[in-house]
Amino acid sequence: MLQISYRLTLDCPLYVILSQYYDYEHIGTVHPRTLGEYRLVDVREEGREILYDQVWPGRRRRTSRVRHRYLSPLTMEFDFLAGRYRGTRVRTRLAPRGEGSTLVDETYCIPGLPNWRWLAHWLKPFVIDCKVTER
Protein backbone atom coordinates (compact mmCIF):
# COMPACT_ATOMS: atom_id res chain seq x y z
CA MET A 1 0.00 0.00 0.00
CA LEU A 2 1.40 3.36 -1.03
CA GLN A 3 1.53 5.97 1.75
CA ILE A 4 1.76 9.67 0.99
CA SER A 5 2.31 11.99 3.94
CA TYR A 6 1.34 15.63 3.75
CA ARG A 7 1.86 18.30 6.39
CA LEU A 8 0.90 21.92 6.23
CA THR A 9 0.32 24.73 8.68
CA LEU A 10 -2.81 26.79 8.16
CA ASP A 11 -3.13 30.32 9.48
CA CYS A 12 -6.37 29.43 11.19
CA PRO A 13 -7.08 28.53 14.84
CA LEU A 14 -7.40 24.86 15.77
CA TYR A 15 -11.04 25.19 16.86
CA VAL A 16 -12.03 26.53 13.40
CA ILE A 17 -10.25 23.71 11.54
CA LEU A 18 -11.64 21.06 13.88
CA SER A 19 -15.18 22.41 13.63
CA GLN A 20 -15.04 22.03 9.85
CA TYR A 21 -14.34 18.30 10.21
CA TYR A 22 -17.62 18.02 12.12
CA ASP A 23 -19.61 20.33 9.81
CA TYR A 24 -20.53 18.47 6.63
CA GLU A 25 -22.91 21.20 5.51
CA HIS A 26 -20.06 23.57 4.64
CA ILE A 27 -18.55 21.19 2.05
CA GLY A 28 -20.93 22.03 -0.79
CA THR A 29 -20.37 25.78 -0.47
CA VAL A 30 -16.70 25.96 0.58
CA HIS A 31 -15.28 23.05 -1.48
CA PRO A 32 -17.68 22.49 -4.40
CA ARG A 33 -14.95 22.06 -7.03
CA THR A 34 -12.67 19.75 -5.04
CA LEU A 35 -14.89 17.73 -2.67
CA GLY A 36 -18.36 17.98 -4.20
CA GLU A 37 -21.16 17.24 -1.75
CA TYR A 38 -21.76 14.89 1.17
CA ARG A 39 -24.93 12.93 1.91
CA LEU A 40 -25.27 11.56 5.41
CA VAL A 41 -26.08 7.84 5.57
CA ASP A 42 -25.68 6.90 9.26
CA VAL A 43 -24.21 8.06 12.58
CA ARG A 44 -22.81 5.38 14.90
CA GLU A 45 -20.99 5.02 18.21
CA GLU A 46 -22.54 8.18 19.67
CA GLY A 47 -21.26 10.31 16.82
CA ARG A 48 -17.69 8.95 16.78
CA GLU A 49 -18.36 7.22 13.45
CA ILE A 50 -20.17 8.81 10.54
CA LEU A 51 -21.08 7.09 7.29
CA TYR A 52 -21.72 9.28 4.25
CA ASP A 53 -21.76 9.24 0.48
CA GLN A 54 -19.43 11.71 -1.17
CA VAL A 55 -20.62 12.83 -4.60
CA TRP A 56 -17.57 14.10 -6.44
CA PRO A 57 -17.77 17.20 -8.64
CA GLY A 58 -17.68 16.92 -12.41
CA ARG A 59 -19.83 15.60 -15.21
CA ARG A 60 -19.81 11.97 -14.12
CA ARG A 61 -20.75 12.70 -10.47
CA ARG A 62 -18.98 9.61 -9.13
CA THR A 63 -19.80 8.57 -5.57
CA SER A 64 -17.75 7.18 -2.69
CA ARG A 65 -19.13 5.57 0.47
CA VAL A 66 -16.94 6.88 3.31
CA ARG A 67 -16.63 6.00 6.98
CA HIS A 68 -15.29 8.91 9.04
CA ARG A 69 -14.08 7.80 12.49
CA TYR A 70 -12.98 10.10 15.30
CA LEU A 71 -10.22 8.32 17.23
CA SER A 72 -9.79 11.34 19.50
CA PRO A 73 -10.95 14.92 19.03
CA LEU A 74 -7.78 15.71 17.04
CA THR A 75 -7.18 12.38 15.26
CA MET A 76 -9.49 10.82 12.69
CA GLU A 77 -9.60 8.33 9.83
CA PHE A 78 -11.53 8.31 6.58
CA ASP A 79 -12.03 4.87 4.98
CA PHE A 80 -13.36 4.75 1.43
CA LEU A 81 -15.56 1.64 1.61
CA ALA A 82 -17.12 1.61 -1.87
CA GLY A 83 -17.13 3.49 -5.16
CA ARG A 84 -14.44 5.93 -6.19
CA TYR A 85 -11.16 5.46 -4.27
CA ARG A 86 -12.41 2.22 -2.65
CA GLY A 87 -9.83 0.86 -0.20
CA THR A 88 -8.14 4.21 0.39
CA ARG A 89 -7.61 5.43 3.95
CA VAL A 90 -6.77 8.97 5.04
CA ARG A 91 -5.40 9.49 8.55
CA THR A 92 -5.58 13.05 9.85
CA ARG A 93 -3.98 14.58 12.93
CA LEU A 94 -4.47 18.20 13.96
CA ALA A 95 -2.25 20.16 16.36
CA PRO A 96 -2.11 23.79 17.44
CA ARG A 97 0.94 25.69 16.15
CA GLY A 98 1.49 28.99 17.85
CA GLU A 99 -1.22 31.53 18.22
CA GLY A 100 -3.89 31.17 15.56
CA SER A 101 -2.26 28.42 13.43
CA THR A 102 -2.95 24.71 13.04
CA LEU A 103 -0.78 21.87 11.78
CA VAL A 104 -2.67 19.43 9.54
CA ASP A 105 -0.77 16.13 9.28
CA GLU A 106 -2.34 13.66 6.84
CA THR A 107 -1.33 10.28 5.48
CA TYR A 108 -3.04 8.95 2.37
CA CYS A 109 -2.90 5.13 2.17
CA ILE A 110 -3.63 3.97 -1.38
CA PRO A 111 -4.18 0.24 -2.01
CA GLY A 112 -2.75 -1.71 -4.88
CA LEU A 113 0.46 0.29 -5.18
CA PRO A 114 3.85 -0.47 -3.62
CA ASN A 115 5.11 1.90 -0.92
CA TRP A 116 7.92 3.33 -3.03
CA ARG A 117 9.09 6.79 -2.01
CA TRP A 118 9.67 8.00 -5.58
CA LEU A 119 6.16 6.92 -6.58
CA ALA A 120 4.65 8.86 -3.68
CA HIS A 121 6.48 12.01 -4.79
CA TRP A 122 5.19 11.59 -8.35
CA LEU A 123 1.54 10.92 -7.31
CA LYS A 124 1.27 13.54 -4.54
CA PRO A 125 0.03 16.38 -6.79
CA PHE A 126 -2.81 14.18 -8.07
CA VAL A 127 -3.85 12.96 -4.61
CA ILE A 128 -3.77 16.28 -2.80
CA ASP A 129 -5.62 19.06 -4.57
CA CYS A 130 -4.56 21.94 -2.37
CA LYS A 131 -3.31 25.37 -3.31
CA VAL A 132 -1.84 26.11 0.15
CA THR A 133 1.95 25.93 0.30
CA GLU A 134 3.75 23.56 2.67
CA ARG A 135 5.73 24.99 5.56
C-alpha atoms as a PDB file:
ATOM      1  CA  MET A   1       0.000   0.000   0.000  1.00  0.00           C
ATOM      2  CA  LEU A   2       1.399   3.362  -1.030  1.00  0.00           C
ATOM      3  CA  GLN A   3       1.529   5.967   1.747  1.00  0.00           C
ATOM      4  CA  ILE A   4       1.760   9.672   0.990  1.00  0.00           C
ATOM      5  CA  SER A   5       2.310  11.991   3.940  1.00  0.00           C
ATOM      6  CA  TYR A   6       1.344  15.627   3.748  1.00  0.00           C
ATOM      7  CA  ARG A   7       1.857  18.297   6.391  1.00  0.00           C
ATOM      8  CA  LEU A   8       0.897  21.922   6.227  1.00  0.00           C
ATOM      9  CA  THR A   9       0.322  24.731   8.675  1.00  0.00           C
ATOM     10  CA  LEU A  10      -2.807  26.788   8.161  1.00  0.00           C
ATOM     11  CA  ASP A  11      -3.127  30.321   9.485  1.00  0.00           C
ATOM     12  CA  CYS A  12      -6.370  29.428  11.185  1.00  0.00           C
ATOM     13  CA  PRO A  13      -7.079  28.527  14.843  1.00  0.00           C
ATOM     14  CA  LEU A  14      -7.401  24.861  15.767  1.00  0.00           C
ATOM     15  CA  TYR A  15     -11.037  25.193  16.863  1.00  0.00           C
ATOM     16  CA  VAL A  16     -12.027  26.527  13.404  1.00  0.00           C
ATOM     17  CA  ILE A  17     -10.246  23.714  11.536  1.00  0.00           C
ATOM     18  CA  LEU A  18     -11.637  21.055  13.880  1.00  0.00           C
ATOM     19  CA  SER A  19     -15.182  22.412  13.632  1.00  0.00           C
ATOM     20  CA  GLN A  20     -15.044  22.028   9.845  1.00  0.00           C
ATOM     21  CA  TYR A  21     -14.338  18.299  10.205  1.00  0.00           C
ATOM     22  CA  TYR A  22     -17.624  18.024  12.125  1.00  0.00           C
ATOM     23  CA  ASP A  23     -19.607  20.326   9.808  1.00  0.00           C
ATOM     24  CA  TYR A  24     -20.526  18.469   6.625  1.00  0.00           C
ATOM     25  CA  GLU A  25     -22.906  21.204   5.511  1.00  0.00           C
ATOM     26  CA  HIS A  26     -20.056  23.571   4.643  1.00  0.00           C
ATOM     27  CA  ILE A  27     -18.552  21.187   2.049  1.00  0.00           C
ATOM     28  CA  GLY A  28     -20.931  22.031  -0.785  1.00  0.00           C
ATOM     29  CA  THR A  29     -20.373  25.778  -0.470  1.00  0.00           C
ATOM     30  CA  VAL A  30     -16.700  25.958   0.581  1.00  0.00           C
ATOM     31  CA  HIS A  31     -15.276  23.055  -1.477  1.00  0.00           C
ATOM     32  CA  PRO A  32     -17.684  22.495  -4.405  1.00  0.00           C
ATOM     33  CA  ARG A  33     -14.948  22.057  -7.030  1.00  0.00           C
ATOM     34  CA  THR A  34     -12.665  19.753  -5.039  1.00  0.00           C
ATOM     35  CA  LEU A  35     -14.887  17.729  -2.666  1.00  0.00           C
ATOM     36  CA  GLY A  36     -18.361  17.981  -4.202  1.00  0.00           C
ATOM     37  CA  GLU A  37     -21.159  17.243  -1.750  1.00  0.00           C
ATOM     38  CA  TYR A  38     -21.764  14.886   1.167  1.00  0.00           C
ATOM     39  CA  ARG A  39     -24.932  12.934   1.907  1.00  0.00           C
ATOM     40  CA  LEU A  40     -25.270  11.565   5.412  1.00  0.00           C
ATOM     41  CA  VAL A  41     -26.080   7.836   5.574  1.00  0.00           C
ATOM     42  CA  ASP A  42     -25.683   6.902   9.260  1.00  0.00           C
ATOM     43  CA  VAL A  43     -24.215   8.056  12.579  1.00  0.00           C
ATOM     44  CA  ARG A  44     -22.805   5.378  14.901  1.00  0.00           C
ATOM     45  CA  GLU A  45     -20.992   5.019  18.209  1.00  0.00           C
ATOM     46  CA  GLU A  46     -22.539   8.176  19.673  1.00  0.00           C
ATOM     47  CA  GLY A  47     -21.257  10.310  16.824  1.00  0.00           C
ATOM     48  CA  ARG A  48     -17.695   8.946  16.785  1.00  0.00           C
ATOM     49  CA  GLU A  49     -18.360   7.224  13.449  1.00  0.00           C
ATOM     50  CA  ILE A  50     -20.167   8.812  10.540  1.00  0.00           C
ATOM     51  CA  LEU A  51     -21.075   7.093   7.290  1.00  0.00           C
ATOM     52  CA  TYR A  52     -21.725   9.279   4.251  1.00  0.00           C
ATOM     53  CA  ASP A  53     -21.762   9.243   0.482  1.00  0.00           C
ATOM     54  CA  GLN A  54     -19.429  11.707  -1.169  1.00  0.00           C
ATOM     55  CA  VAL A  55     -20.620  12.826  -4.596  1.00  0.00           C
ATOM     56  CA  TRP A  56     -17.573  14.101  -6.435  1.00  0.00           C
ATOM     57  CA  PRO A  57     -17.772  17.196  -8.640  1.00  0.00           C
ATOM     58  CA  GLY A  58     -17.684  16.920 -12.409  1.00  0.00           C
ATOM     59  CA  ARG A  59     -19.832  15.605 -15.209  1.00  0.00           C
ATOM     60  CA  ARG A  60     -19.810  11.967 -14.116  1.00  0.00           C
ATOM     61  CA  ARG A  61     -20.749  12.697 -10.469  1.00  0.00           C
ATOM     62  CA  ARG A  62     -18.976   9.612  -9.130  1.00  0.00           C
ATOM     63  CA  THR A  63     -19.799   8.568  -5.571  1.00  0.00           C
ATOM     64  CA  SER A  64     -17.745   7.176  -2.695  1.00  0.00           C
ATOM     65  CA  ARG A  65     -19.129   5.573   0.465  1.00  0.00           C
ATOM     66  CA  VAL A  66     -16.940   6.880   3.307  1.00  0.00           C
ATOM     67  CA  ARG A  67     -16.632   5.998   6.983  1.00  0.00           C
ATOM     68  CA  HIS A  68     -15.291   8.905   9.044  1.00  0.00           C
ATOM     69  CA  ARG A  69     -14.082   7.800  12.493  1.00  0.00           C
ATOM     70  CA  TYR A  70     -12.978  10.098  15.296  1.00  0.00           C
ATOM     71  CA  LEU A  71     -10.223   8.321  17.232  1.00  0.00           C
ATOM     72  CA  SER A  72      -9.786  11.343  19.499  1.00  0.00           C
ATOM     73  CA  PRO A  73     -10.945  14.922  19.029  1.00  0.00           C
ATOM     74  CA  LEU A  74      -7.780  15.711  17.037  1.00  0.00           C
ATOM     75  CA  THR A  75      -7.182  12.382  15.262  1.00  0.00           C
ATOM     76  CA  MET A  76      -9.487  10.821  12.689  1.00  0.00           C
ATOM     77  CA  GLU A  77      -9.603   8.327   9.826  1.00  0.00           C
ATOM     78  CA  PHE A  78     -11.526   8.313   6.581  1.00  0.00           C
ATOM     79  CA  ASP A  79     -12.026   4.874   4.981  1.00  0.00           C
ATOM     80  CA  PHE A  80     -13.361   4.753   1.429  1.00  0.00           C
ATOM     81  CA  LEU A  81     -15.555   1.640   1.607  1.00  0.00           C
ATOM     82  CA  ALA A  82     -17.121   1.607  -1.872  1.00  0.00           C
ATOM     83  CA  GLY A  83     -17.132   3.489  -5.156  1.00  0.00           C
ATOM     84  CA  ARG A  84     -14.436   5.928  -6.194  1.00  0.00           C
ATOM     85  CA  TYR A  85     -11.156   5.464  -4.271  1.00  0.00           C
ATOM     86  CA  ARG A  86     -12.407   2.225  -2.646  1.00  0.00           C
ATOM     87  CA  GLY A  87      -9.826   0.858  -0.197  1.00  0.00           C
ATOM     88  CA  THR A  88      -8.142   4.215   0.389  1.00  0.00           C
ATOM     89  CA  ARG A  89      -7.614   5.432   3.947  1.00  0.00           C
ATOM     90  CA  VAL A  90      -6.774   8.967   5.043  1.00  0.00           C
ATOM     91  CA  ARG A  91      -5.399   9.487   8.549  1.00  0.00           C
ATOM     92  CA  THR A  92      -5.578  13.052   9.851  1.00  0.00           C
ATOM     93  CA  ARG A  93      -3.978  14.578  12.934  1.00  0.00           C
ATOM     94  CA  LEU A  94      -4.470  18.197  13.961  1.00  0.00           C
ATOM     95  CA  ALA A  95      -2.253  20.160  16.356  1.00  0.00           C
ATOM     96  CA  PRO A  96      -2.112  23.794  17.439  1.00  0.00           C
ATOM     97  CA  ARG A  97       0.936  25.686  16.146  1.00  0.00           C
ATOM     98  CA  GLY A  98       1.493  28.987  17.846  1.00  0.00           C
ATOM     99  CA  GLU A  99      -1.217  31.534  18.217  1.00  0.00           C
ATOM    100  CA  GLY A 100      -3.893  31.175  15.557  1.00  0.00           C
ATOM    101  CA  SER A 101      -2.256  28.424  13.430  1.00  0.00           C
ATOM    102  CA  THR A 102      -2.953  24.711  13.041  1.00  0.00           C
ATOM    103  CA  LEU A 103      -0.785  21.867  11.784  1.00  0.00           C
ATOM    104  CA  VAL A 104      -2.670  19.430   9.541  1.00  0.00           C
ATOM    105  CA  ASP A 105      -0.770  16.133   9.275  1.00  0.00           C
ATOM    106  CA  GLU A 106      -2.344  13.662   6.841  1.00  0.00           C
ATOM    107  CA  THR A 107      -1.327  10.283   5.477  1.00  0.00           C
ATOM    108  CA  TYR A 108      -3.038   8.948   2.374  1.00  0.00           C
ATOM    109  CA  CYS A 109      -2.898   5.135   2.174  1.00  0.00           C
ATOM    110  CA  ILE A 110      -3.627   3.974  -1.378  1.00  0.00           C
ATOM    111  CA  PRO A 111      -4.181   0.239  -2.009  1.00  0.00           C
ATOM    112  CA  GLY A 112      -2.749  -1.713  -4.885  1.00  0.00           C
ATOM    113  CA  LEU A 113       0.463   0.290  -5.177  1.00  0.00           C
ATOM    114  CA  PRO A 114       3.853  -0.466  -3.621  1.00  0.00           C
ATOM    115  CA  ASN A 115       5.106   1.902  -0.925  1.00  0.00           C
ATOM    116  CA  TRP A 116       7.925   3.333  -3.027  1.00  0.00           C
ATOM    117  CA  ARG A 117       9.085   6.789  -2.011  1.00  0.00           C
ATOM    118  CA  TRP A 118       9.671   8.004  -5.584  1.00  0.00           C
ATOM    119  CA  LEU A 119       6.164   6.919  -6.575  1.00  0.00           C
ATOM    120  CA  ALA A 120       4.647   8.863  -3.680  1.00  0.00           C
ATOM    121  CA  HIS A 121       6.477  12.008  -4.791  1.00  0.00           C
ATOM    122  CA  TRP A 122       5.187  11.595  -8.348  1.00  0.00           C
ATOM    123  CA  LEU A 123       1.542  10.924  -7.311  1.00  0.00           C
ATOM    124  CA  LYS A 124       1.266  13.537  -4.543  1.00  0.00           C
ATOM    125  CA  PRO A 125       0.025  16.382  -6.793  1.00  0.00           C
ATOM    126  CA  PHE A 126      -2.812  14.176  -8.071  1.00  0.00           C
ATOM    127  CA  VAL A 127      -3.855  12.959  -4.611  1.00  0.00           C
ATOM    128  CA  ILE A 128      -3.769  16.281  -2.804  1.00  0.00           C
ATOM    129  CA  ASP A 129      -5.622  19.065  -4.575  1.00  0.00           C
ATOM    130  CA  CYS A 130      -4.565  21.938  -2.373  1.00  0.00           C
ATOM    131  CA  LYS A 131      -3.306  25.369  -3.309  1.00  0.00           C
ATOM    132  CA  VAL A 132      -1.840  26.108   0.152  1.00  0.00           C
ATOM    133  CA  THR A 133       1.952  25.926   0.298  1.00  0.00           C
ATOM    134  CA  GLU A 134       3.751  23.562   2.674  1.00  0.00           C
ATOM    135  CA  ARG A 135       5.730  24.994   5.559  1.00  0.00           C
END
